[in-house]
C-alpha atoms as a PDB file:
ATOM      1  CA  UNK A   1     109.148 101.699 111.149  1.00  0.00           C
ATOM      2  CA  UNK A   2     109.889 103.188 107.730  1.00  0.00           C
ATOM      3  CA  UNK A   3     113.409 102.654 106.146  1.00  0.00           C
ATOM      4  CA  UNK A   4     114.274 104.754 103.123  1.00  0.00           C
ATOM      5  CA  UNK A   5     117.469 103.807 101.373  1.00  0.00           C
ATOM      6  CA  UNK A   6     119.021 106.618  98.850  1.00  0.00           C
ATOM      7  CA  UNK A   7     122.544 106.918  96.599  1.00  0.00           C
ATOM      8  CA  UNK A   8     123.404 105.799  93.266  1.00  0.00           C
ATOM      9  CA  UNK A   9     125.852 103.360  94.452  1.00  0.00           C
ATOM     10  CA  UNK A  10     129.339 105.263  93.212  1.00  0.00           C
ATOM     11  CA  UNK A  11     128.171 108.008  95.612  1.00  0.00           C
ATOM     12  CA  UNK A  12     126.856 107.760  99.284  1.00  0.00           C
ATOM     13  CA  UNK A  13     124.181 105.435 100.300  1.00  0.00           C
ATOM     14  CA  UNK A  14     121.837 106.173 103.070  1.00  0.00           C
ATOM     15  CA  UNK A  15     119.605 104.599 105.140  1.00  0.00           C
ATOM     16  CA  UNK A  16     116.834 107.044 106.771  1.00  0.00           C
ATOM     17  CA  UNK A  17     115.118 105.026 109.559  1.00  0.00           C
ATOM     18  CA  UNK A  18     111.766 106.188 111.064  1.00  0.00           C
ATOM     19  CA  UNK A  19     110.526 105.143 113.983  1.00  0.00           C
ATOM     20  CA  UNK A  20     106.725 105.934 114.881  1.00  0.00           C
ATOM     21  CA  UNK A  21     105.040 104.411 118.238  1.00  0.00           C
ATOM     22  CA  UNK A  22     101.957 105.715 120.509  1.00  0.00           C
ATOM     23  CA  UNK A  23     104.434 108.336 121.879  1.00  0.00           C
ATOM     24  CA  UNK A  24     106.958 109.791 119.448  1.00  0.00           C
ATOM     25  CA  UNK A  25     108.566 109.877 116.403  1.00  0.00           C
ATOM     26  CA  UNK A  26     112.104 109.218 115.903  1.00  0.00           C
ATOM     27  CA  UNK A  27     114.176 109.507 112.528  1.00  0.00           C
ATOM     28  CA  UNK A  28     117.809 108.475 112.180  1.00  0.00           C
ATOM     29  CA  UNK A  29     119.732 108.795 109.102  1.00  0.00           C
ATOM     30  CA  UNK A  30     122.803 106.346 108.736  1.00  0.00           C
ATOM     31  CA  UNK A  31     125.750 106.113 105.768  1.00  0.00           C
ATOM     32  CA  UNK A  32     126.634 102.492 105.140  1.00  0.00           C
ATOM     33  CA  UNK A  33     126.287 100.166 102.015  1.00  0.00           C
ATOM     34  CA  UNK A  34     125.561  97.134 104.313  1.00  0.00           C
ATOM     35  CA  UNK A  35     123.358  97.196 107.322  1.00  0.00           C
ATOM     36  CA  UNK A  36     122.760  94.450 109.650  1.00  0.00           C
ATOM     37  CA  UNK A  37     119.541  94.466 111.453  1.00  0.00           C
ATOM     38  CA  UNK A  38     118.819  92.571 115.045  1.00  0.00           C
ATOM     39  CA  UNK A  39     117.820  92.818 118.869  1.00  0.00           C
ATOM     40  CA  UNK A  40     121.915  92.990 120.123  1.00  0.00           C
ATOM     41  CA  UNK A  41     123.154  96.206 120.442  1.00  0.00           C
ATOM     42  CA  UNK A  42     125.915  95.682 117.804  1.00  0.00           C
ATOM     43  CA  UNK A  43     123.759  95.841 115.254  1.00  0.00           C
ATOM     44  CA  UNK A  44     123.805  99.222 113.029  1.00  0.00           C
ATOM     45  CA  UNK A  45     120.100  98.744 113.489  1.00  0.00           C
ATOM     46  CA  UNK A  46     118.849  97.434 116.817  1.00  0.00           C
ATOM     47  CA  UNK A  47     115.215  96.465 117.308  1.00  0.00           C
ATOM     48  CA  UNK A  48     113.604  95.589 120.377  1.00  0.00           C
ATOM     49  CA  UNK A  49     111.600  93.188 119.942  1.00  0.00           C
ATOM     50  CA  UNK A  50     111.619  89.284 121.495  1.00  0.00           C
ATOM     51  CA  UNK A  51     110.728  88.067 117.998  1.00  0.00           C
ATOM     52  CA  UNK A  52     113.359  89.827 116.385  1.00  0.00           C
ATOM     53  CA  UNK A  53     116.832  87.426 116.502  1.00  0.00           C
ATOM     54  CA  UNK A  54     119.919  89.011 117.836  1.00  0.00           C
ATOM     55  CA  UNK A  55     121.278  89.298 114.503  1.00  0.00           C
ATOM     56  CA  UNK A  56     118.201  88.738 112.211  1.00  0.00           C
ATOM     57  CA  UNK A  57     119.049  90.290 108.718  1.00  0.00           C
ATOM     58  CA  UNK A  58     121.229  92.387 106.293  1.00  0.00           C
ATOM     59  CA  UNK A  59     120.756  94.853 103.975  1.00  0.00           C
ATOM     60  CA  UNK A  60     123.437  95.500 101.952  1.00  0.00           C
ATOM     61  CA  UNK A  61     123.608  97.732  98.412  1.00  0.00           C
ATOM     62  CA  UNK A  62     125.398  95.522  95.263  1.00  0.00           C
ATOM     63  CA  UNK A  63     125.394  95.996  91.795  1.00  0.00           C
ATOM     64  CA  UNK A  64     122.923  98.750  91.878  1.00  0.00           C
ATOM     65  CA  UNK A  65     120.832  97.096  93.828  1.00  0.00           C
ATOM     66  CA  UNK A  66     119.408  96.189  97.501  1.00  0.00           C
ATOM     67  CA  UNK A  67     119.381  93.109  98.927  1.00  0.00           C
ATOM     68  CA  UNK A  68     117.966  91.299 102.065  1.00  0.00           C
ATOM     69  CA  UNK A  69     119.570  88.338 103.345  1.00  0.00           C
ATOM     70  CA  UNK A  70     117.643  86.413 106.337  1.00  0.00           C
ATOM     71  CA  UNK A  71     120.654  85.618 108.931  1.00  0.00           C
ATOM     72  CA  UNK A  72     119.245  82.365 110.502  1.00  0.00           C
ATOM     73  CA  UNK A  73     117.002  83.644 112.244  1.00  0.00           C
ATOM     74  CA  UNK A  74     114.441  82.571 114.555  1.00  0.00           C
ATOM     75  CA  UNK A  75     111.075  83.865 113.546  1.00  0.00           C
ATOM     76  CA  UNK A  76     111.885  84.773 109.390  1.00  0.00           C
ATOM     77  CA  UNK A  77     112.278  87.263 107.191  1.00  0.00           C
ATOM     78  CA  UNK A  78     109.508  88.140 104.680  1.00  0.00           C
ATOM     79  CA  UNK A  79     109.691  89.963 101.480  1.00  0.00           C
ATOM     80  CA  UNK A  80     106.218  91.275 100.180  1.00  0.00           C
ATOM     81  CA  UNK A  81     104.574  88.428 102.405  1.00  0.00           C
ATOM     82  CA  UNK A  82     106.859  85.508 101.143  1.00  0.00           C
ATOM     83  CA  UNK A  83     109.290  84.183 103.350  1.00  0.00           C
ATOM     84  CA  UNK A  84     113.146  84.331 102.464  1.00  0.00           C
ATOM     85  CA  UNK A  85     114.875  81.061 103.035  1.00  0.00           C
ATOM     86  CA  UNK A  86     118.078  81.452 105.369  1.00  0.00           C
ATOM     87  CA  UNK A  87     121.016  82.507 104.026  1.00  0.00           C
ATOM     88  CA  UNK A  88     118.850  83.368 100.992  1.00  0.00           C
ATOM     89  CA  UNK A  89     119.444  87.046  99.232  1.00  0.00           C
ATOM     90  CA  UNK A  90     116.470  88.770  97.860  1.00  0.00           C
ATOM     91  CA  UNK A  91     116.504  91.740  95.560  1.00  0.00           C
ATOM     92  CA  UNK A  92     114.380  94.647  97.100  1.00  0.00           C
ATOM     93  CA  UNK A  93     112.155  96.576  94.861  1.00  0.00           C
ATOM     94  CA  UNK A  94     111.513  99.963  95.027  1.00  0.00           C
ATOM     95  CA  UNK A  95     108.787  99.436  97.419  1.00  0.00           C
ATOM     96  CA  UNK A  96     109.332  96.719  99.755  1.00  0.00           C
ATOM     97  CA  UNK A  97     107.252  95.441 102.996  1.00  0.00           C
ATOM     98  CA  UNK A  98     109.671  93.724 104.964  1.00  0.00           C
ATOM     99  CA  UNK A  99     108.642  91.803 108.058  1.00  0.00           C
ATOM    100  CA  UNK A 100     111.340  90.780 110.445  1.00  0.00           C
ATOM    101  CA  UNK A 101     109.690  88.538 113.475  1.00  0.00           C
ATOM    102  CA  UNK A 102     106.303  90.771 114.585  1.00  0.00           C
ATOM    103  CA  UNK A 103     108.416  94.024 113.282  1.00  0.00           C
ATOM    104  CA  UNK A 104     107.391  95.870 110.118  1.00  0.00           C
ATOM    105  CA  UNK A 105     109.403  97.693 107.782  1.00  0.00           C
ATOM    106  CA  UNK A 106     108.347  99.870 104.841  1.00  0.00           C
ATOM    107  CA  UNK A 107     111.335  99.532 102.400  1.00  0.00           C
ATOM    108  CA  UNK A 108     111.796 102.604  99.721  1.00  0.00           C
ATOM    109  CA  UNK A 109     114.538 103.283  97.706  1.00  0.00           C
ATOM    110  CA  UNK A 110     115.390  99.876  95.381  1.00  0.00           C
ATOM    111  CA  UNK A 111     114.831  99.457  91.696  1.00  0.00           C
ATOM    112  CA  UNK A 112     111.373  99.037  90.035  1.00  0.00           C
ATOM    113  CA  UNK A 113     110.504  95.365  89.819  1.00  0.00           C
ATOM    114  CA  UNK A 114     109.653  94.421  86.342  1.00  0.00           C
END
């Protein structure tokens, strides 16, 4: 799954998701400043995987930066190979690799780190 976030914080922010599997490629564009991700259908981004918690993580745009927060997930949220603690918010870089349980998300759209 590839997630591309766009916007400057003052205007529209969006999330472009591209899901690729063996049979097809699907693309969605969503416009939100805050996105819940998880297995339940109430999430803005719903991922059908037993390793993804019902409400797994949240990505939000605040202070001209994208942030991800683990929402007490069972199998963890990882950013660039480092597990983040439950309730911890981590700033996302311009390109970040996120793992939600066994699902990999390629994030593009944050600030350069450094």
